[in-house]
Amino acid sequence: MEKNKKKTERRNKIRRRIRSTIRGTSKRPRLSIYKSNKHVYAQLIDDRDSHTLATASTQTDAIESELKDKTKSEGAKVVGAHLAKLAQEKGINKVVFDRSGYKYHGVIKSLAEGAREAGLDF
């Protein structure tokens, strides 16, 4: 139990440090990622207005059929591509990437690559 608490505290410390320098605007929102043991979630956030512009996750109904028989990393890539499509519909091409204290590998890297391949620039 103590090990998990230390990991969470470490990630939150890194997360606070990252968030002190990163700010999202309506023209260049912040791409924020959260992952749980089963799912991955991504949001485009305008920090100036405290408004979420777009959201996607492995629980989104629109991509649920694409996620059948896929690993968590493959699912994250689909989520990234779906979020990029939603962003482009709203006229957003550039974002600021916020990895939320997670290491840039595995699920986080897959989501970022999926979003880049679908047209988001960061």
Protein backbone atom coordinates (compact mmCIF):
# COMPACT_ATOMS: atom_id res chain seq x y z
CA MET A 1 0.00 0.00 0.00
CA GLU A 2 2.82 2.39 0.88
CA LYS A 3 4.47 1.81 -2.53
CA ASN A 4 1.30 2.81 -4.40
CA LYS A 5 0.91 5.94 -2.29
CA LYS A 6 4.48 7.01 -3.06
CA LYS A 7 3.95 6.43 -6.79
CA THR A 8 0.78 8.52 -6.78
CA GLU A 9 2.43 11.33 -4.82
CA ARG A 10 5.41 11.30 -7.23
CA ARG A 11 3.14 11.48 -10.28
CA ASN A 12 1.10 14.31 -8.74
CA LYS A 13 4.29 16.26 -8.01
CA ILE A 14 5.41 15.88 -11.63
CA ARG A 15 1.90 16.75 -12.80
CA ARG A 16 1.88 20.00 -10.80
CA ARG A 17 5.31 20.94 -12.17
CA ILE A 18 4.17 20.35 -15.76
CA ARG A 19 0.91 22.27 -15.24
CA SER A 20 2.79 25.28 -13.87
CA THR A 21 4.32 25.85 -17.31
CA ILE A 22 1.64 24.56 -19.69
CA ARG A 23 -1.48 26.58 -20.47
CA GLY A 24 -4.12 25.84 -23.06
CA THR A 25 -5.98 28.48 -25.06
CA SER A 26 -8.95 28.28 -27.39
CA LYS A 27 -6.63 28.36 -30.42
CA ARG A 28 -4.08 25.94 -28.93
CA PRO A 29 -5.77 23.87 -26.20
CA ARG A 30 -4.09 21.52 -23.76
CA LEU A 31 -4.32 17.80 -24.62
CA SER A 32 -4.68 16.22 -21.18
CA ILE A 33 -4.45 12.46 -20.66
CA TYR A 34 -5.60 10.24 -17.82
CA LYS A 35 -5.23 6.49 -17.71
CA SER A 36 -6.71 3.94 -15.40
CA ASN A 37 -6.02 0.22 -15.28
CA LYS A 38 -8.72 -0.48 -17.89
CA HIS A 39 -9.33 2.73 -19.82
CA VAL A 40 -7.62 5.81 -21.21
CA TYR A 41 -9.18 9.27 -21.41
CA ALA A 42 -8.12 12.37 -23.35
CA GLN A 43 -9.46 15.92 -23.32
CA LEU A 44 -8.79 19.17 -25.12
CA ILE A 45 -8.99 21.93 -22.52
CA ASP A 46 -9.07 25.71 -22.82
CA ASP A 47 -7.52 26.83 -19.51
CA ARG A 48 -8.33 30.51 -19.98
CA ASP A 49 -12.08 29.86 -20.02
CA SER A 50 -11.92 26.62 -17.97
CA HIS A 51 -13.79 24.84 -20.73
CA THR A 52 -13.42 21.35 -22.23
CA LEU A 53 -13.51 21.60 -26.02
CA ALA A 54 -13.47 17.89 -26.92
CA THR A 55 -13.15 14.56 -25.18
CA ALA A 56 -12.55 10.94 -26.13
CA SER A 57 -11.96 7.72 -24.25
CA THR A 58 -12.01 3.97 -24.65
CA GLN A 59 -15.58 4.14 -23.33
CA THR A 60 -16.81 6.47 -26.08
CA ASP A 61 -19.75 4.94 -27.97
CA ALA A 62 -18.50 6.16 -31.37
CA ILE A 63 -15.31 4.07 -31.24
CA GLU A 64 -16.41 1.18 -29.04
CA SER A 65 -16.80 -1.16 -32.01
CA GLU A 66 -13.23 -0.42 -33.19
CA LEU A 67 -11.79 -1.43 -29.83
CA LYS A 68 -12.90 -5.06 -29.91
CA ASP A 69 -9.96 -7.48 -29.52
CA LYS A 70 -7.36 -4.70 -29.25
CA THR A 71 -4.71 -4.18 -26.62
CA LYS A 72 -4.75 -1.13 -24.38
CA SER A 73 -2.02 0.57 -26.45
CA GLU A 74 -3.85 -0.09 -29.72
CA GLY A 75 -7.03 1.26 -28.16
CA ALA A 76 -5.20 4.40 -27.05
CA LYS A 77 -4.07 4.97 -30.63
CA VAL A 78 -7.70 4.81 -31.79
CA VAL A 79 -8.70 7.25 -29.03
CA GLY A 80 -5.97 9.68 -30.14
CA ALA A 81 -7.12 9.51 -33.76
CA HIS A 82 -10.76 10.05 -32.73
CA LEU A 83 -9.84 13.06 -30.60
CA ALA A 84 -7.83 14.55 -33.48
CA LYS A 85 -10.85 14.15 -35.76
CA LEU A 86 -13.08 15.93 -33.23
CA ALA A 87 -10.51 18.72 -32.89
CA GLN A 88 -10.26 19.24 -36.63
CA GLU A 89 -14.04 19.49 -36.87
CA LYS A 90 -13.79 22.41 -34.42
CA GLY A 91 -10.94 24.01 -36.40
CA ILE A 92 -8.14 23.04 -33.99
CA ASN A 93 -4.87 21.83 -35.53
CA LYS A 94 -2.30 22.62 -32.82
CA VAL A 95 -2.34 21.53 -29.19
CA VAL A 96 -0.09 21.57 -26.13
CA PHE A 97 0.61 18.04 -24.89
CA ASP A 98 0.09 17.35 -21.17
CA ARG A 99 1.14 13.84 -20.21
CA SER A 100 -0.16 14.37 -16.63
CA GLY A 101 2.98 13.04 -14.95
CA TYR A 102 2.96 9.69 -16.77
CA LYS A 103 6.10 8.50 -18.53
CA TYR A 104 6.04 8.94 -22.29
CA HIS A 105 5.83 5.29 -23.31
CA GLY A 106 3.22 2.61 -23.80
CA VAL A 107 -0.34 3.90 -23.73
CA ILE A 108 0.63 7.59 -23.52
CA LYS A 109 2.98 7.29 -26.50
CA SER A 110 0.38 5.37 -28.53
CA LEU A 111 -2.29 8.00 -27.90
CA ALA A 112 0.09 10.79 -28.91
CA GLU A 113 1.14 8.96 -32.09
CA GLY A 114 -2.48 8.30 -33.01
CA ALA A 115 -3.33 11.97 -32.62
CA ARG A 116 -0.29 13.05 -34.64
CA GLU A 117 -1.06 10.61 -37.45
CA ALA A 118 -4.62 11.93 -37.61
CA GLY A 119 -3.41 15.50 -38.06
CA LEU A 120 -2.84 17.17 -34.69
CA ASP A 121 0.39 19.14 -34.38
CA PHE A 122 2.31 19.14 -31.08
